[in-house]
C-alpha atoms as a PDB file:
ATOM      1  CA  MET A   1      -0.118   0.062  -0.044  1.00  0.00           C
ATOM      2  CA  ALA A   2       1.462   3.487  -0.659  1.00  0.00           C
ATOM      3  CA  GLU A   3       1.761   6.123   1.695  1.00  0.00           C
ATOM      4  CA  ARG A   4       0.654   9.720   1.127  1.00  0.00           C
ATOM      5  CA  PHE A   5       2.202  12.913   1.449  1.00  0.00           C
ATOM      6  CA  GLY A   6      -0.429  15.100   0.275  1.00  0.00           C
ATOM      7  CA  ASP A   7      -0.523  14.828  -3.417  1.00  0.00           C
ATOM      8  CA  VAL A   8       2.493  12.752  -3.530  1.00  0.00           C
ATOM      9  CA  THR A   9       2.606   9.343  -3.165  1.00  0.00           C
ATOM     10  CA  VAL A  10       5.109   7.001  -1.750  1.00  0.00           C
ATOM     11  CA  ASP A  11       5.680   3.350  -2.606  1.00  0.00           C
ATOM     12  CA  LEU A  12       8.542   1.526  -0.917  1.00  0.00           C
ATOM     13  CA  GLY A  13       9.078  -1.932  -2.424  1.00  0.00           C
ATOM     14  CA  ASP A  14      11.580  -5.208  -1.469  1.00  0.00           C
ATOM     15  CA  ASP A  15      13.803  -4.001  -3.884  1.00  0.00           C
ATOM     16  CA  PHE A  16      14.790  -0.851  -1.672  1.00  0.00           C
ATOM     17  CA  VAL A  17      14.028   1.662  -4.435  1.00  0.00           C
ATOM     18  CA  ALA A  18      11.256   3.852  -3.696  1.00  0.00           C
ATOM     19  CA  GLU A  19       8.568   5.058  -6.180  1.00  0.00           C
ATOM     20  CA  VAL A  20       7.756   8.832  -4.858  1.00  0.00           C
ATOM     21  CA  GLU A  21       5.244   9.857  -7.481  1.00  0.00           C
ATOM     22  CA  ILE A  22       3.285  13.437  -8.483  1.00  0.00           C
ATOM     23  CA  HIS A  23       0.033  13.633  -9.001  1.00  0.00           C
ATOM     24  CA  ARG A  24      -1.168  16.542 -10.460  1.00  0.00           C
ATOM     25  CA  PRO A  25      -1.727  15.625 -13.940  1.00  0.00           C
ATOM     26  CA  PRO A  26      -1.471  16.486 -16.847  1.00  0.00           C
ATOM     27  CA  ASN A  27       1.084  19.567 -15.926  1.00  0.00           C
ATOM     28  CA  ASN A  28       2.330  18.677 -12.468  1.00  0.00           C
ATOM     29  CA  PHE A  29       2.034  22.494 -11.493  1.00  0.00           C
ATOM     30  CA  PHE A  30       3.684  23.016  -8.274  1.00  0.00           C
ATOM     31  CA  ASP A  31       3.473  25.074  -5.333  1.00  0.00           C
ATOM     32  CA  VAL A  32       4.303  25.059  -1.879  1.00  0.00           C
ATOM     33  CA  ALA A  33       2.309  22.109  -0.893  1.00  0.00           C
ATOM     34  CA  LEU A  34       3.417  19.991  -2.857  1.00  0.00           C
ATOM     35  CA  ILE A  35       7.604  20.570  -2.977  1.00  0.00           C
ATOM     36  CA  ARG A  36       6.454  20.475   0.823  1.00  0.00           C
ATOM     37  CA  SER A  37       4.686  16.754   0.279  1.00  0.00           C
ATOM     38  CA  ILE A  38       7.911  15.534  -2.265  1.00  0.00           C
ATOM     39  CA  ALA A  39      10.363  16.671   0.936  1.00  0.00           C
ATOM     40  CA  ASP A  40       8.285  15.264   3.563  1.00  0.00           C
ATOM     41  CA  ALA A  41       8.452  12.223   1.680  1.00  0.00           C
ATOM     42  CA  TYR A  42      12.101  12.104   0.912  1.00  0.00           C
ATOM     43  CA  GLU A  43      13.051  12.706   5.045  1.00  0.00           C
ATOM     44  CA  ALA A  44      10.544   9.831   5.739  1.00  0.00           C
ATOM     45  CA  LEU A  45      12.620   7.534   3.243  1.00  0.00           C
ATOM     46  CA  ASP A  46      15.826   9.049   4.628  1.00  0.00           C
ATOM     47  CA  LYS A  47      15.132   7.141   8.160  1.00  0.00           C
ATOM     48  CA  ASP A  48      13.960   4.005   6.361  1.00  0.00           C
ATOM     49  CA  ILE A  49      16.615   1.397   6.458  1.00  0.00           C
ATOM     50  CA  GLY A  50      14.347  -0.270   3.600  1.00  0.00           C
ATOM     51  CA  CYS A  51      14.765   2.108   1.349  1.00  0.00           C
ATOM     52  CA  ARG A  52      18.389   3.010  -0.270  1.00  0.00           C
ATOM     53  CA  ALA A  53      17.496   4.930  -3.335  1.00  0.00           C
ATOM     54  CA  ILE A  54      14.387   6.816  -4.639  1.00  0.00           C
ATOM     55  CA  LEU A  55      13.087   7.334  -8.032  1.00  0.00           C
ATOM     56  CA  LEU A  56      11.052  10.373  -8.287  1.00  0.00           C
ATOM     57  CA  CYS A  57       8.312  10.656 -11.095  1.00  0.00           C
ATOM     58  CA  SER A  58       4.799  11.976 -11.955  1.00  0.00           C
ATOM     59  CA  GLU A  59       1.448  11.114 -13.254  1.00  0.00           C
ATOM     60  CA  GLY A  60       0.239  12.338 -16.440  1.00  0.00           C
ATOM     61  CA  LYS A  61       1.164  14.222 -19.855  1.00  0.00           C
ATOM     62  CA  HIS A  62       4.087  16.242 -18.653  1.00  0.00           C
ATOM     63  CA  PHE A  63       6.798  15.462 -15.434  1.00  0.00           C
ATOM     64  CA  CYS A  64       6.541  18.959 -14.106  1.00  0.00           C
ATOM     65  CA  ALA A  65       5.408  22.432 -15.589  1.00  0.00           C
ATOM     66  CA  GLY A  66       6.608  25.202 -12.894  1.00  0.00           C
ATOM     67  CA  ALA A  67       4.321  27.451 -11.109  1.00  0.00           C
ATOM     68  CA  ASP A  68       1.287  28.293 -12.888  1.00  0.00           C
ATOM     69  CA  PHE A  69       1.223  31.399 -13.501  1.00  0.00           C
ATOM     70  CA  ASN A  70      -1.710  32.097 -15.092  1.00  0.00           C
ATOM     71  CA  GLN A  71      -3.934  30.151 -13.266  1.00  0.00           C
ATOM     72  CA  GLU A  72      -4.663  27.086 -14.971  1.00  0.00           C
ATOM     73  CA  SER A  73      -4.795  24.856 -12.313  1.00  0.00           C
ATOM     74  CA  ASP A  74      -5.846  23.983  -8.731  1.00  0.00           C
ATOM     75  CA  ALA A  75      -1.933  25.405  -7.977  1.00  0.00           C
ATOM     76  CA  ALA A  76      -1.588  27.673  -5.595  1.00  0.00           C
ATOM     77  CA  PRO A  77      -0.027  30.904  -7.168  1.00  0.00           C
ATOM     78  CA  ILE A  78       3.477  32.332  -5.507  1.00  0.00           C
ATOM     79  CA  PRO A  79       2.436  35.103  -3.740  1.00  0.00           C
ATOM     80  CA  GLU A  80       2.906  38.798  -4.478  1.00  0.00           C
ATOM     81  CA  SER A  81       5.689  38.656  -1.709  1.00  0.00           C
ATOM     82  CA  GLY A  82       7.947  36.285  -2.888  1.00  0.00           C
ATOM     83  CA  ALA A  83       8.763  32.545  -3.167  1.00  0.00           C
ATOM     84  CA  ALA A  84      10.754  32.389   0.524  1.00  0.00           C
ATOM     85  CA  SER A  85       8.815  29.954   1.281  1.00  0.00           C
ATOM     86  CA  LEU A  86       8.769  27.580  -1.311  1.00  0.00           C
ATOM     87  CA  TYR A  87      12.238  27.890  -1.767  1.00  0.00           C
ATOM     88  CA  GLN A  88      12.590  26.664   2.107  1.00  0.00           C
ATOM     89  CA  GLU A  89      10.758  23.635   1.024  1.00  0.00           C
ATOM     90  CA  ALA A  90      12.796  23.072  -1.849  1.00  0.00           C
ATOM     91  CA  VAL A  91      16.599  23.190  -0.020  1.00  0.00           C
ATOM     92  CA  ARG A  92      15.165  20.502   1.622  1.00  0.00           C
ATOM     93  CA  LEU A  93      15.089  18.038  -1.451  1.00  0.00           C
ATOM     94  CA  PHE A  94      18.714  19.096  -1.569  1.00  0.00           C
ATOM     95  CA  ARG A  95      19.620  17.767   1.683  1.00  0.00           C
ATOM     96  CA  THR A  96      17.858  14.385   1.244  1.00  0.00           C
ATOM     97  CA  GLU A  97      20.762  11.538   2.029  1.00  0.00           C
ATOM     98  CA  LEU A  98      19.388   9.004  -0.644  1.00  0.00           C
ATOM     99  CA  PRO A  99      20.622   9.254  -4.126  1.00  0.00           C
ATOM    100  CA  VAL A 100      17.496  10.244  -6.397  1.00  0.00           C
ATOM    101  CA  VAL A 101      16.846   9.147  -9.889  1.00  0.00           C
ATOM    102  CA  ALA A 102      14.235  11.444 -12.199  1.00  0.00           C
ATOM    103  CA  ALA A 103      12.151   9.515 -14.458  1.00  0.00           C
ATOM    104  CA  VAL A 104      11.259  13.004 -16.768  1.00  0.00           C
ATOM    105  CA  GLN A 105       8.579  12.557 -19.600  1.00  0.00           C
ATOM    106  CA  GLY A 106       7.018  15.789 -21.679  1.00  0.00           C
ATOM    107  CA  ALA A 107       7.978  18.506 -20.101  1.00  0.00           C
ATOM    108  CA  ALA A 108      10.092  20.132 -17.433  1.00  0.00           C
ATOM    109  CA  ILE A 109       9.662  23.742 -17.698  1.00  0.00           C
ATOM    110  CA  GLY A 110      10.883  26.630 -15.273  1.00  0.00           C
ATOM    111  CA  GLY A 111      10.627  25.808 -11.853  1.00  0.00           C
ATOM    112  CA  GLY A 112      10.273  22.065 -13.139  1.00  0.00           C
ATOM    113  CA  LEU A 113      13.601  22.112 -14.759  1.00  0.00           C
ATOM    114  CA  GLY A 114      14.568  23.216 -11.557  1.00  0.00           C
ATOM    115  CA  LEU A 115      13.019  20.238  -9.597  1.00  0.00           C
ATOM    116  CA  ALA A 116      14.549  17.503 -12.211  1.00  0.00           C
ATOM    117  CA  CYS A 117      18.043  19.140 -11.720  1.00  0.00           C
ATOM    118  CA  SER A 118      17.567  18.736  -7.702  1.00  0.00           C
ATOM    119  CA  ALA A 119      17.748  15.274  -8.622  1.00  0.00           C
ATOM    120  CA  ASP A 120      21.298  13.138  -8.502  1.00  0.00           C
ATOM    121  CA  PHE A 121      20.468  11.847 -12.140  1.00  0.00           C
ATOM    122  CA  ARG A 122      17.655  12.222 -15.018  1.00  0.00           C
ATOM    123  CA  VAL A 123      16.461   9.616 -16.830  1.00  0.00           C
ATOM    124  CA  GLY A 124      14.322  10.831 -19.829  1.00  0.00           C
ATOM    125  CA  ALA A 125      12.455  10.202 -23.155  1.00  0.00           C
ATOM    126  CA  SER A 126      13.167  12.019 -26.843  1.00  0.00           C
ATOM    127  CA  GLU A 127       9.954  13.547 -26.162  1.00  0.00           C
ATOM    128  CA  ALA A 128      10.613  15.353 -23.333  1.00  0.00           C
ATOM    129  CA  ARG A 129      11.558  18.916 -23.126  1.00  0.00           C
ATOM    130  CA  PHE A 130      13.801  21.475 -21.122  1.00  0.00           C
ATOM    131  CA  ALA A 131      13.424  24.893 -20.734  1.00  0.00           C
ATOM    132  CA  ALA A 132      14.831  27.560 -18.538  1.00  0.00           C
ATOM    133  CA  ASN A 133      12.283  30.007 -19.886  1.00  0.00           C
ATOM    134  CA  PHE A 134      12.184  32.302 -16.950  1.00  0.00           C
ATOM    135  CA  ALA A 135      13.953  35.391 -18.788  1.00  0.00           C
ATOM    136  CA  ARG A 136      10.740  34.745 -22.124  1.00  0.00           C
ATOM    137  CA  LEU A 137       8.575  35.674 -18.948  1.00  0.00           C
ATOM    138  CA  GLY A 138      10.525  38.662 -18.144  1.00  0.00           C
ATOM    139  CA  PHE A 139      11.621  36.928 -15.120  1.00  0.00           C
ATOM    140  CA  HIS A 140      14.447  35.524 -13.110  1.00  0.00           C
ATOM    141  CA  GLN A 141      15.341  31.650 -12.552  1.00  0.00           C
ATOM    142  CA  GLY A 142      14.539  29.920  -9.528  1.00  0.00           C
ATOM    143  CA  PHE A 143      14.160  26.812  -7.904  1.00  0.00           C
ATOM    144  CA  GLY A 144      18.563  26.804  -7.408  1.00  0.00           C
ATOM    145  CA  LEU A 145      19.085  26.878 -11.155  1.00  0.00           C
ATOM    146  CA  SER A 146      21.525  29.560 -10.474  1.00  0.00           C
ATOM    147  CA  VAL A 147      23.288  26.153  -8.574  1.00  0.00           C
ATOM    148  CA  THR A 148      22.389  23.511  -9.903  1.00  0.00           C
ATOM    149  CA  LEU A 149      22.395  23.762 -14.033  1.00  0.00           C
ATOM    150  CA  PRO A 150      26.066  25.111 -14.465  1.00  0.00           C
ATOM    151  CA  ARG A 151      26.884  22.207 -12.608  1.00  0.00           C
ATOM    152  CA  ILE A 152      25.038  19.860 -15.216  1.00  0.00           C
ATOM    153  CA  VAL A 153      25.603  21.065 -18.172  1.00  0.00           C
ATOM    154  CA  GLY A 154      28.611  23.359 -17.968  1.00  0.00           C
ATOM    155  CA  GLU A 155      28.114  27.503 -17.187  1.00  0.00           C
ATOM    156  CA  GLN A 156      27.996  28.200 -21.304  1.00  0.00           C
ATOM    157  CA  ARG A 157      25.558  26.015 -21.937  1.00  0.00           C
ATOM    158  CA  ALA A 158      23.664  27.118 -18.772  1.00  0.00           C
ATOM    159  CA  LEU A 159      23.688  30.915 -19.742  1.00  0.00           C
ATOM    160  CA  GLU A 160      22.309  30.069 -23.205  1.00  0.00           C
ATOM    161  CA  MET A 161      19.389  28.059 -22.027  1.00  0.00           C
ATOM    162  CA  LEU A 162      18.887  30.873 -19.630  1.00  0.00           C
ATOM    163  CA  TYR A 163      19.424  33.775 -21.477  1.00  0.00           C
ATOM    164  CA  THR A 164      17.370  32.450 -24.578  1.00  0.00           C
ATOM    165  CA  GLY A 165      14.696  30.476 -22.918  1.00  0.00           C
ATOM    166  CA  ARG A 166      14.752  28.089 -25.621  1.00  0.00           C
ATOM    167  CA  ARG A 167      13.600  24.399 -25.378  1.00  0.00           C
ATOM    168  CA  VAL A 168      15.696  21.468 -25.660  1.00  0.00           C
ATOM    169  CA  ALA A 169      14.447  18.164 -26.384  1.00  0.00           C
ATOM    170  CA  GLY A 170      15.588  14.737 -25.025  1.00  0.00           C
ATOM    171  CA  ASP A 171      18.193  13.979 -27.440  1.00  0.00           C
ATOM    172  CA  GLU A 172      19.759  17.178 -27.577  1.00  0.00           C
ATOM    173  CA  ALA A 173      19.465  17.056 -23.601  1.00  0.00           C
ATOM    174  CA  GLU A 174      21.368  14.015 -23.377  1.00  0.00           C
ATOM    175  CA  ASP A 175      24.029  15.255 -25.677  1.00  0.00           C
ATOM    176  CA  ILE A 176      24.775  18.133 -23.060  1.00  0.00           C
ATOM    177  CA  GLY A 177      24.528  15.576 -19.941  1.00  0.00           C
ATOM    178  CA  LEU A 178      20.860  17.132 -18.605  1.00  0.00           C
ATOM    179  CA  LEU A 179      20.028  13.916 -19.099  1.00  0.00           C
ATOM    180  CA  ASP A 180      22.149  10.960 -18.081  1.00  0.00           C
ATOM    181  CA  ARG A 181      20.375   8.356 -20.022  1.00  0.00           C
ATOM    182  CA  LEU A 182      17.377   8.412 -22.574  1.00  0.00           C
ATOM    183  CA  ALA A 183      14.425   5.852 -22.771  1.00  0.00           C
ATOM    184  CA  PRO A 184      11.951   5.031 -24.912  1.00  0.00           C
ATOM    185  CA  LEU A 185       8.741   7.008 -23.579  1.00  0.00           C
ATOM    186  CA  ASP A 186       7.072   3.424 -23.212  1.00  0.00           C
ATOM    187  CA  ALA A 187       9.729   1.902 -21.195  1.00  0.00           C
ATOM    188  CA  LEU A 188      10.570   5.317 -19.197  1.00  0.00           C
ATOM    189  CA  ARG A 189       9.594   4.297 -15.855  1.00  0.00           C
ATOM    190  CA  LEU A 190      11.391   1.072 -15.989  1.00  0.00           C
ATOM    191  CA  ALA A 191      14.838   2.110 -17.426  1.00  0.00           C
ATOM    192  CA  ALA A 192      14.898   4.838 -14.535  1.00  0.00           C
ATOM    193  CA  ARG A 193      14.071   2.019 -11.633  1.00  0.00           C
ATOM    194  CA  GLU A 194      16.902   0.295 -14.002  1.00  0.00           C
ATOM    195  CA  MET A 195      19.360   3.122 -13.140  1.00  0.00           C
ATOM    196  CA  ALA A 196      18.397   3.381  -9.274  1.00  0.00           C
ATOM    197  CA  SER A 197      18.512  -0.307  -8.808  1.00  0.00           C
ATOM    198  CA  GLU A 198      22.412  -0.616 -10.291  1.00  0.00           C
ATOM    199  CA  ILE A 199      22.550   2.010  -7.066  1.00  0.00           C
ATOM    200  CA  VAL A 200      21.049   0.071  -4.655  1.00  0.00           C
ATOM    201  CA  ARG A 201      23.400  -3.038  -5.271  1.00  0.00           C
ATOM    202  CA  SER A 202      26.218  -1.324  -3.722  1.00  0.00           C
ATOM    203  CA  ALA A 203      27.044  -0.661  -0.069  1.00  0.00           C
ATOM    204  CA  PRO A 204      23.600   1.248   1.281  1.00  0.00           C
ATOM    205  CA  LEU A 205      26.483   3.297   3.879  1.00  0.00           C
ATOM    206  CA  ALA A 206      29.059   3.873   1.276  1.00  0.00           C
ATOM    207  CA  VAL A 207      26.220   5.590  -1.167  1.00  0.00           C
ATOM    208  CA  ARG A 208      25.226   7.952   1.817  1.00  0.00           C
ATOM    209  CA  SER A 209      28.907   8.480   2.618  1.00  0.00           C
ATOM    210  CA  ILE A 210      29.898   9.320  -0.943  1.00  0.00           C
ATOM    211  CA  ARG A 211      26.745  11.319  -1.663  1.00  0.00           C
ATOM    212  CA  GLN A 212      27.520  13.526   1.574  1.00  0.00           C
ATOM    213  CA  THR A 213      31.525  13.799  -0.013  1.00  0.00           C
ATOM    214  CA  MET A 214      30.057  15.042  -3.343  1.00  0.00           C
ATOM    215  CA  ARG A 215      26.283  16.657  -2.647  1.00  0.00           C
ATOM    216  CA  GLY A 216      26.101  17.560   1.086  1.00  0.00           C
ATOM    217  CA  HIS A 217      27.147  21.170   0.638  1.00  0.00           C
ATOM    218  CA  LEU A 218      24.443  21.526  -2.136  1.00  0.00           C
ATOM    219  CA  GLY A 219      21.471  22.331  -0.056  1.00  0.00           C
ATOM    220  CA  ASP A 220      23.674  25.075   1.593  1.00  0.00           C
ATOM    221  CA  ASP A 221      24.675  26.447  -2.411  1.00  0.00           C
ATOM    222  CA  VAL A 222      21.006  26.039  -3.138  1.00  0.00           C
ATOM    223  CA  ALA A 223      19.964  28.291   0.294  1.00  0.00           C
ATOM    224  CA  ARG A 224      22.198  30.839  -0.655  1.00  0.00           C
ATOM    225  CA  ALA A 225      21.524  31.190  -4.350  1.00  0.00           C
ATOM    226  CA  THR A 226      17.688  31.606  -3.843  1.00  0.00           C
ATOM    227  CA  GLU A 227      18.001  34.288  -1.607  1.00  0.00           C
ATOM    228  CA  ARG A 228      18.876  36.157  -4.573  1.00  0.00           C
ATOM    229  CA  GLU A 229      16.824  34.435  -7.098  1.00  0.00           C
ATOM    230  CA  ASP A 230      13.989  35.155  -4.897  1.00  0.00           C
ATOM    231  CA  ALA A 231      14.658  39.325  -4.672  1.00  0.00           C
ATOM    232  CA  GLU A 232      15.479  38.885  -7.759  1.00  0.00           C
ATOM    233  CA  GLN A 233      11.878  37.666  -9.094  1.00  0.00           C
ATOM    234  CA  ILE A 234      10.553  40.184  -6.761  1.00  0.00           C
ATOM    235  CA  ARG A 235      11.780  43.160  -8.187  1.00  0.00           C
ATOM    236  CA  LEU A 236      10.999  41.914 -11.823  1.00  0.00           C
ATOM    237  CA  ARG A 237       7.530  40.463 -11.051  1.00  0.00           C
ATOM    238  CA  ALA A 238       6.845  44.586 -10.553  1.00  0.00           C
ATOM    239  CA  THR A 239       7.949  45.262 -14.188  1.00  0.00           C
ATOM    240  CA  ALA A 240       5.955  45.644 -17.657  1.00  0.00           C
ATOM    241  CA  ASP A 241       8.041  42.816 -18.737  1.00  0.00           C
ATOM    242  CA  PHE A 242       7.163  40.644 -16.626  1.00  0.00           C
ATOM    243  CA  ALA A 243       3.217  41.365 -17.140  1.00  0.00           C
ATOM    244  CA  GLU A 244       3.703  41.235 -21.150  1.00  0.00           C
ATOM    245  CA  GLY A 245       5.529  37.802 -20.985  1.00  0.00           C
ATOM    246  CA  THR A 246       2.944  36.208 -18.772  1.00  0.00           C
ATOM    247  CA  LYS A 247       0.367  37.626 -21.119  1.00  0.00           C
ATOM    248  CA  ALA A 248       2.350  36.599 -24.236  1.00  0.00           C
ATOM    249  CA  SER A 249       2.783  32.887 -22.928  1.00  0.00           C
ATOM    250  CA  PHE A 250      -0.836  32.487 -21.685  1.00  0.00           C
ATOM    251  CA  GLU A 251      -1.838  33.660 -25.655  1.00  0.00           C
ATOM    252  CA  ARG A 252       0.765  31.338 -27.079  1.00  0.00           C
ATOM    253  CA  ARG A 253       2.402  34.398 -28.899  1.00  0.00           C
ATOM    254  CA  ASP A 254       5.566  36.300 -28.843  1.00  0.00           C
ATOM    255  CA  PRO A 255       6.667  38.728 -26.064  1.00  0.00           C
ATOM    256  CA  ALA A 256       6.799  42.790 -26.979  1.00  0.00           C
ATOM    257  CA  PHE A 257       9.370  43.309 -23.873  1.00  0.00           C
ATOM    258  CA  THR A 258      10.390  47.032 -23.763  1.00  0.00           C
ATOM    259  CA  GLY A 259      12.738  46.617 -20.802  1.00  0.00           C
ATOM    260  CA  ARG A 260      10.274  48.839 -18.413  1.00  0.00           C
END
């Protein structure tokens, strides 16, 4: 029987792999409650000796389309006062002790890309698409992408993605290191689980120790980065360019930015 944390279920099998699944289809927009639920699930699994790796996945067409600026779903809006509470919960994801493999189908956009990048590894399909589309909304990146994206794809690739907001398809994502493995869409979750299963065949205490050496500082790094990200998001949210960017996104057209 799967355990539930809000809109997130946890199913821990006999193979030491816990499947943490988001249930907000089709777009799986996040808010503070959803990120808190994932963090709660991770912390519970950290204490469970029957778990040695986490498989992060989502129900529906898309992995995660980030925050719902156009209020197309039931996800709570990001408050005008900023995303500090959201990022406090997000930092908890980066402090987990267990390795995380994300299975990415469809879109991982904006903060959804940030969620995917919180995992140690990403397995995706050719049909997946990734975008740090913040600048196309007149906005600043968030969810710790200032730290994680350059570490995964290199600073130059990260700058290109952040400046242009362009979409990166699954095949290119594998080429630049954003995806660690490519798999057919109908076998995506199985492929991600196989990767997690490879990890759990190693000694669990050694894996946790290695992860702490390699990624133990990431929570602190992201906490510092999100302070800057949040402050810039608050500032830019008051601009005409942000209003135009979000309106253009909703209307499915190119924005006409004025620099104001």
